[in-house]
Amino acid sequence: QVQLAESGGGLVHPGDSLRLSCSASGRAFNAYGVGWFRQAPGKEREFVATIHYNGGEKNYADSVKGRFTISRDNAKNTVYLQMNSLQPDDTAVYYCGARAFSLSNDAADYRIWGQGTQVTVSS
């Protein structure tokens, strides 16, 4: 069973950048599709980005398209979320999830989750 741990969150100003990491332990991480989701206080968990197990296909939420980039390094068992031009609306706890092989925009498709990392964008 793969276990996930997010890192890289923090407090930044509008317009700044952050890179989140989703590090996996366990076997065969390169057989898992990974999704990034976020949850702001009082709101439901929402899709941010997802990547196929081999990195060949990616999808993004419209709200982050052109600002965020998802990538993976299977040799390091890590998926990254590069976030540029951050805005206060991006403030949330960011979670990564894993599922067998394919990517998905739906949080219900993921059975493995990390504990989350807080991103706060404030002036």
N, C-alpha and C. Protein backbone atom coordinates (compact mmCIF):
# COMPACT_ATOMS: atom_id res chain seq x y z
N GLN A 1 0.84 -1.18 0.00
CA GLN A 1 0.00 0.00 0.00
C GLN A 1 0.89 1.25 0.00
N VAL A 2 0.57 2.17 -0.86
CA VAL A 2 1.31 3.43 -0.92
C VAL A 2 0.81 4.37 0.16
N GLN A 3 1.72 5.09 0.77
CA GLN A 3 1.38 6.16 1.72
C GLN A 3 1.91 7.46 1.17
N LEU A 4 1.15 8.54 1.38
CA LEU A 4 1.47 9.82 0.79
C LEU A 4 1.73 10.87 1.88
N ALA A 5 2.64 11.80 1.58
CA ALA A 5 2.92 12.91 2.49
C ALA A 5 3.15 14.16 1.67
N GLU A 6 2.35 15.20 1.95
CA GLU A 6 2.50 16.48 1.26
C GLU A 6 3.46 17.38 2.03
N SER A 7 4.13 18.25 1.31
CA SER A 7 5.00 19.24 1.92
C SER A 7 5.11 20.44 0.99
N GLY A 8 5.66 21.54 1.52
CA GLY A 8 5.92 22.71 0.70
C GLY A 8 4.96 23.85 0.87
N GLY A 9 3.92 23.67 1.69
CA GLY A 9 2.99 24.75 1.93
C GLY A 9 3.60 25.87 2.75
N GLY A 10 2.86 26.96 2.87
CA GLY A 10 3.35 28.08 3.66
C GLY A 10 2.51 29.31 3.47
N LEU A 11 2.99 30.42 4.02
CA LEU A 11 2.33 31.71 3.93
C LEU A 11 3.08 32.56 2.90
N VAL A 12 2.37 32.99 1.86
CA VAL A 12 3.00 33.79 0.81
C VAL A 12 2.11 34.99 0.49
N HIS A 13 2.68 35.94 -0.27
CA HIS A 13 1.95 37.13 -0.70
C HIS A 13 1.31 36.87 -2.07
N PRO A 14 0.27 37.61 -2.41
CA PRO A 14 -0.29 37.50 -3.77
C PRO A 14 0.77 37.72 -4.83
N GLY A 15 0.76 36.87 -5.85
CA GLY A 15 1.74 36.94 -6.92
C GLY A 15 2.96 36.05 -6.71
N ASP A 16 3.13 35.53 -5.51
CA ASP A 16 4.26 34.65 -5.20
C ASP A 16 4.04 33.25 -5.76
N SER A 17 5.08 32.43 -5.63
CA SER A 17 5.03 31.04 -6.09
C SER A 17 5.36 30.09 -4.94
N LEU A 18 4.85 28.87 -5.06
CA LEU A 18 5.19 27.78 -4.16
C LEU A 18 5.25 26.49 -4.97
N ARG A 19 6.06 25.55 -4.51
CA ARG A 19 6.05 24.22 -5.10
C ARG A 19 5.70 23.21 -4.02
N LEU A 20 4.60 22.53 -4.20
CA LEU A 20 4.20 21.47 -3.29
C LEU A 20 4.75 20.13 -3.78
N SER A 21 5.05 19.28 -2.81
CA SER A 21 5.52 17.93 -3.13
C SER A 21 4.59 16.91 -2.50
N CYS A 22 4.36 15.84 -3.22
CA CYS A 22 3.61 14.69 -2.72
C CYS A 22 4.56 13.50 -2.80
N SER A 23 5.08 13.10 -1.66
CA SER A 23 6.07 12.04 -1.61
C SER A 23 5.41 10.74 -1.19
N ALA A 24 5.78 9.66 -1.87
CA ALA A 24 5.15 8.37 -1.62
C ALA A 24 6.13 7.36 -1.05
N SER A 25 5.65 6.57 -0.14
CA SER A 25 6.41 5.42 0.35
C SER A 25 5.60 4.17 0.02
N GLY A 26 6.31 3.07 -0.09
CA GLY A 26 5.62 1.85 -0.48
C GLY A 26 5.97 1.46 -1.90
N ARG A 27 5.30 0.47 -2.38
CA ARG A 27 5.69 -0.12 -3.64
C ARG A 27 4.93 0.45 -4.83
N ALA A 28 5.60 0.49 -5.95
CA ALA A 28 4.97 0.70 -7.25
C ALA A 28 4.21 2.02 -7.35
N PHE A 29 4.81 3.10 -6.82
CA PHE A 29 4.17 4.40 -6.97
C PHE A 29 4.02 4.77 -8.42
N ASN A 30 4.91 4.25 -9.28
CA ASN A 30 4.82 4.58 -10.70
C ASN A 30 3.64 3.91 -11.38
N ALA A 31 2.84 3.17 -10.64
CA ALA A 31 1.62 2.57 -11.18
C ALA A 31 0.36 3.33 -10.75
N TYR A 32 0.55 4.49 -10.12
CA TYR A 32 -0.58 5.25 -9.59
C TYR A 32 -0.74 6.58 -10.31
N GLY A 33 -1.98 6.88 -10.67
CA GLY A 33 -2.31 8.24 -11.03
C GLY A 33 -2.45 9.06 -9.75
N VAL A 34 -2.13 10.35 -9.83
CA VAL A 34 -2.13 11.22 -8.66
C VAL A 34 -2.94 12.47 -8.95
N GLY A 35 -3.69 12.89 -7.98
CA GLY A 35 -4.45 14.13 -8.10
C GLY A 35 -4.14 15.06 -6.94
N TRP A 36 -4.14 16.34 -7.23
CA TRP A 36 -4.08 17.38 -6.19
C TRP A 36 -5.47 17.97 -6.03
N PHE A 37 -5.91 18.10 -4.79
CA PHE A 37 -7.17 18.71 -4.46
C PHE A 37 -6.93 19.72 -3.35
N ARG A 38 -7.88 20.60 -3.15
CA ARG A 38 -7.74 21.57 -2.07
C ARG A 38 -9.08 21.78 -1.39
N GLN A 39 -8.98 22.18 -0.13
CA GLN A 39 -10.20 22.42 0.65
C GLN A 39 -10.00 23.66 1.50
N ALA A 40 -10.83 24.65 1.23
CA ALA A 40 -10.83 25.88 2.02
C ALA A 40 -11.84 25.73 3.17
N PRO A 41 -11.69 26.53 4.23
CA PRO A 41 -12.62 26.43 5.35
C PRO A 41 -14.06 26.62 4.92
N GLY A 42 -14.93 25.70 5.33
CA GLY A 42 -16.34 25.81 5.01
C GLY A 42 -16.71 25.40 3.60
N LYS A 43 -15.75 24.91 2.84
CA LYS A 43 -16.01 24.52 1.45
C LYS A 43 -15.69 23.04 1.25
N GLU A 44 -16.24 22.49 0.18
CA GLU A 44 -15.95 21.11 -0.16
C GLU A 44 -14.56 20.99 -0.80
N ARG A 45 -14.03 19.79 -0.75
CA ARG A 45 -12.75 19.54 -1.42
C ARG A 45 -12.94 19.69 -2.92
N GLU A 46 -12.05 20.43 -3.57
CA GLU A 46 -12.18 20.68 -5.00
C GLU A 46 -10.94 20.24 -5.75
N PHE A 47 -11.17 19.83 -6.98
CA PHE A 47 -10.11 19.36 -7.85
C PHE A 47 -9.18 20.50 -8.24
N VAL A 48 -7.87 20.20 -8.30
CA VAL A 48 -6.89 21.18 -8.75
C VAL A 48 -6.17 20.69 -10.01
N ALA A 49 -5.55 19.50 -9.92
CA ALA A 49 -4.79 18.97 -11.05
C ALA A 49 -4.61 17.48 -10.86
N THR A 50 -4.39 16.78 -11.97
CA THR A 50 -4.17 15.34 -11.91
C THR A 50 -3.22 14.91 -13.01
N ILE A 51 -2.51 13.81 -12.76
CA ILE A 51 -1.50 13.33 -13.70
C ILE A 51 -1.58 11.81 -13.80
N HIS A 52 -1.43 11.32 -15.02
CA HIS A 52 -1.44 9.89 -15.30
C HIS A 52 -0.21 9.22 -14.67
N TYR A 53 -0.27 7.90 -14.50
CA TYR A 53 0.82 7.21 -13.80
C TYR A 53 2.17 7.39 -14.49
N ASN A 54 2.16 7.56 -15.82
CA ASN A 54 3.43 7.74 -16.52
C ASN A 54 3.70 9.19 -16.88
N GLY A 55 2.85 10.09 -16.40
CA GLY A 55 3.06 11.52 -16.66
C GLY A 55 2.64 11.96 -18.05
N GLY A 56 2.07 11.06 -18.83
CA GLY A 56 1.76 11.39 -20.21
C GLY A 56 0.50 12.20 -20.41
N GLU A 57 -0.36 12.27 -19.42
CA GLU A 57 -1.60 13.03 -19.53
C GLU A 57 -1.83 13.79 -18.24
N LYS A 58 -2.30 15.03 -18.38
CA LYS A 58 -2.55 15.88 -17.22
C LYS A 58 -3.86 16.65 -17.44
N ASN A 59 -4.55 16.93 -16.37
CA ASN A 59 -5.74 17.79 -16.41
C ASN A 59 -5.66 18.82 -15.30
N TYR A 60 -6.26 19.98 -15.56
CA TYR A 60 -6.25 21.06 -14.58
C TYR A 60 -7.65 21.63 -14.42
N ALA A 61 -7.93 22.12 -13.22
CA ALA A 61 -9.13 22.91 -13.02
C ALA A 61 -8.99 24.23 -13.78
N ASP A 62 -10.10 24.75 -14.27
CA ASP A 62 -10.05 26.00 -15.02
C ASP A 62 -9.47 27.14 -14.18
N SER A 63 -9.71 27.09 -12.88
CA SER A 63 -9.27 28.17 -12.00
C SER A 63 -7.76 28.25 -11.85
N VAL A 64 -7.05 27.18 -12.18
CA VAL A 64 -5.59 27.18 -12.01
C VAL A 64 -4.85 27.01 -13.33
N LYS A 65 -5.58 26.77 -14.40
CA LYS A 65 -4.95 26.53 -15.70
C LYS A 65 -4.10 27.73 -16.10
N GLY A 66 -2.86 27.46 -16.51
CA GLY A 66 -1.95 28.53 -16.88
C GLY A 66 -1.13 29.06 -15.72
N ARG A 67 -1.51 28.74 -14.49
CA ARG A 67 -0.77 29.19 -13.30
C ARG A 67 -0.10 28.03 -12.58
N PHE A 68 -0.75 26.87 -12.55
CA PHE A 68 -0.23 25.71 -11.83
C PHE A 68 0.24 24.66 -12.84
N THR A 69 1.28 23.93 -12.45
CA THR A 69 1.79 22.84 -13.28
C THR A 69 2.02 21.61 -12.42
N ILE A 70 1.45 20.49 -12.83
CA ILE A 70 1.67 19.22 -12.14
C ILE A 70 2.72 18.42 -12.90
N SER A 71 3.60 17.77 -12.17
CA SER A 71 4.63 16.94 -12.78
C SER A 71 4.99 15.81 -11.83
N ARG A 72 5.72 14.84 -12.30
CA ARG A 72 6.12 13.74 -11.43
C ARG A 72 7.52 13.25 -11.79
N ASP A 73 8.19 12.75 -10.76
CA ASP A 73 9.48 12.11 -10.92
C ASP A 73 9.36 10.75 -10.26
N ASN A 74 9.08 9.74 -11.06
CA ASN A 74 8.84 8.41 -10.48
C ASN A 74 10.10 7.81 -9.86
N ALA A 75 11.26 8.25 -10.31
CA ALA A 75 12.50 7.77 -9.69
C ALA A 75 12.61 8.25 -8.25
N LYS A 76 11.97 9.38 -7.95
CA LYS A 76 11.98 9.93 -6.60
C LYS A 76 10.67 9.69 -5.86
N ASN A 77 9.75 8.96 -6.49
CA ASN A 77 8.44 8.68 -5.87
C ASN A 77 7.75 9.97 -5.44
N THR A 78 7.80 10.98 -6.30
CA THR A 78 7.27 12.29 -5.92
C THR A 78 6.49 12.91 -7.08
N VAL A 79 5.37 13.52 -6.73
CA VAL A 79 4.60 14.35 -7.65
C VAL A 79 4.64 15.77 -7.13
N TYR A 80 4.81 16.71 -8.06
CA TYR A 80 4.95 18.12 -7.69
C TYR A 80 3.75 18.93 -8.20
N LEU A 81 3.49 20.03 -7.50
CA LEU A 81 2.52 21.01 -7.97
C LEU A 81 3.20 22.38 -7.88
N GLN A 82 3.63 22.88 -9.03
CA GLN A 82 4.22 24.22 -9.08
C GLN A 82 3.10 25.22 -9.19
N MET A 83 3.03 26.14 -8.26
CA MET A 83 1.95 27.12 -8.20
C MET A 83 2.54 28.52 -8.36
N ASN A 84 2.19 29.18 -9.44
CA ASN A 84 2.65 30.53 -9.71
C ASN A 84 1.49 31.52 -9.63
N SER A 85 1.82 32.79 -9.50
CA SER A 85 0.81 33.85 -9.46
C SER A 85 -0.30 33.53 -8.46
N LEU A 86 0.09 33.16 -7.27
CA LEU A 86 -0.89 32.76 -6.26
C LEU A 86 -1.76 33.95 -5.85
N GLN A 87 -3.01 33.64 -5.58
CA GLN A 87 -4.00 34.64 -5.19
C GLN A 87 -4.67 34.23 -3.89
N PRO A 88 -5.28 35.17 -3.18
CA PRO A 88 -5.95 34.80 -1.92
C PRO A 88 -6.96 33.67 -2.07
N ASP A 89 -7.62 33.56 -3.22
CA ASP A 89 -8.58 32.47 -3.44
C ASP A 89 -7.92 31.10 -3.50
N ASP A 90 -6.61 31.06 -3.61
CA ASP A 90 -5.89 29.78 -3.61
C ASP A 90 -5.63 29.27 -2.20
N THR A 91 -5.96 30.06 -1.20
CA THR A 91 -5.77 29.66 0.19
C THR A 91 -6.61 28.45 0.53
N ALA A 92 -5.96 27.40 1.00
CA ALA A 92 -6.64 26.14 1.31
C ALA A 92 -5.63 25.14 1.86
N VAL A 93 -6.15 24.03 2.36
CA VAL A 93 -5.30 22.87 2.62
C VAL A 93 -5.25 22.06 1.33
N TYR A 94 -4.05 21.76 0.89
CA TYR A 94 -3.84 21.02 -0.35
C TYR A 94 -3.53 19.56 -0.03
N TYR A 95 -4.26 18.67 -0.69
CA TYR A 95 -4.11 17.23 -0.50
C TYR A 95 -3.72 16.56 -1.80
N CYS A 96 -2.89 15.53 -1.70
CA CYS A 96 -2.68 14.68 -2.87
C CYS A 96 -3.33 13.32 -2.61
N GLY A 97 -3.85 12.75 -3.68
CA GLY A 97 -4.47 11.44 -3.63
C GLY A 97 -3.90 10.55 -4.72
N ALA A 98 -3.96 9.24 -4.51
CA ALA A 98 -3.43 8.28 -5.48
C ALA A 98 -4.50 7.24 -5.81
N ARG A 99 -4.49 6.82 -7.07
CA ARG A 99 -5.39 5.76 -7.53
C ARG A 99 -4.67 4.96 -8.59
N ALA A 100 -5.14 3.77 -8.84
CA ALA A 100 -4.44 2.88 -9.76
C ALA A 100 -4.42 3.45 -11.17
N PHE A 101 -3.23 3.68 -11.68
CA PHE A 101 -2.92 3.98 -13.06
C PHE A 101 -3.44 5.32 -13.59
N SER A 102 -4.75 5.48 -13.68
CA SER A 102 -5.25 6.60 -14.47
C SER A 102 -5.50 7.84 -13.63
N LEU A 103 -5.68 8.94 -14.31
CA LEU A 103 -5.95 10.20 -13.64
C LEU A 103 -7.45 10.38 -13.50
N SER A 104 -7.86 11.27 -12.61
CA SER A 104 -9.27 11.54 -12.40
C SER A 104 -9.44 12.90 -11.74
N ASN A 105 -10.52 13.59 -12.14
CA ASN A 105 -10.87 14.88 -11.54
C ASN A 105 -11.77 14.72 -10.32
N ASP A 106 -12.19 13.49 -10.02
CA ASP A 106 -13.19 13.24 -8.99
C ASP A 106 -12.53 12.70 -7.73
N ALA A 107 -12.68 13.41 -6.62
CA ALA A 107 -12.06 12.99 -5.37
C ALA A 107 -12.56 11.61 -4.92
N ALA A 108 -13.78 11.26 -5.30
CA ALA A 108 -14.35 9.97 -4.89
C ALA A 108 -13.62 8.78 -5.53
N ASP A 109 -12.85 9.04 -6.57
CA ASP A 109 -12.10 7.98 -7.24
C ASP A 109 -10.81 7.62 -6.53
N TYR A 110 -10.42 8.40 -5.56
CA TYR A 110 -9.15 8.20 -4.86
C TYR A 110 -9.38 7.53 -3.52
N ARG A 111 -8.56 6.52 -3.22
CA ARG A 111 -8.68 5.80 -1.95
C ARG A 111 -7.52 6.07 -1.01
N ILE A 112 -6.45 6.65 -1.55
CA ILE A 112 -5.25 6.91 -0.74
C ILE A 112 -5.04 8.41 -0.72
N TRP A 113 -4.89 8.96 0.49
CA TRP A 113 -4.73 10.40 0.66
C TRP A 113 -3.60 10.71 1.63
N GLY A 114 -2.97 11.86 1.43
CA GLY A 114 -2.04 12.37 2.41
C GLY A 114 -2.78 13.20 3.45
N GLN A 115 -2.02 13.78 4.37
CA GLN A 115 -2.60 14.55 5.48
C GLN A 115 -2.84 16.01 5.12
N GLY A 116 -2.26 16.47 4.04
CA GLY A 116 -2.49 17.84 3.59
C GLY A 116 -1.41 18.80 4.02
N THR A 117 -1.29 19.89 3.27
CA THR A 117 -0.36 20.97 3.61
C THR A 117 -1.07 22.29 3.40
N GLN A 118 -0.91 23.20 4.35
CA GLN A 118 -1.63 24.47 4.32
C GLN A 118 -0.93 25.47 3.40
N VAL A 119 -1.71 26.08 2.53
CA VAL A 119 -1.23 27.19 1.71
C VAL A 119 -2.08 28.41 2.04
N THR A 120 -1.43 29.48 2.44
CA THR A 120 -2.13 30.72 2.76
C THR A 120 -1.54 31.85 1.93
N VAL A 121 -2.41 32.53 1.20
CA VAL A 121 -1.98 33.64 0.35
C VAL A 121 -2.64 34.90 0.90
N SER A 122 -1.81 35.80 1.40
CA SER A 122 -2.35 36.98 2.06
C SER A 122 -1.35 38.12 1.95
N SER A 123 -1.90 39.32 1.82
CA SER A 123 -1.04 40.50 1.81
C SER A 123 -0.83 41.03 3.22
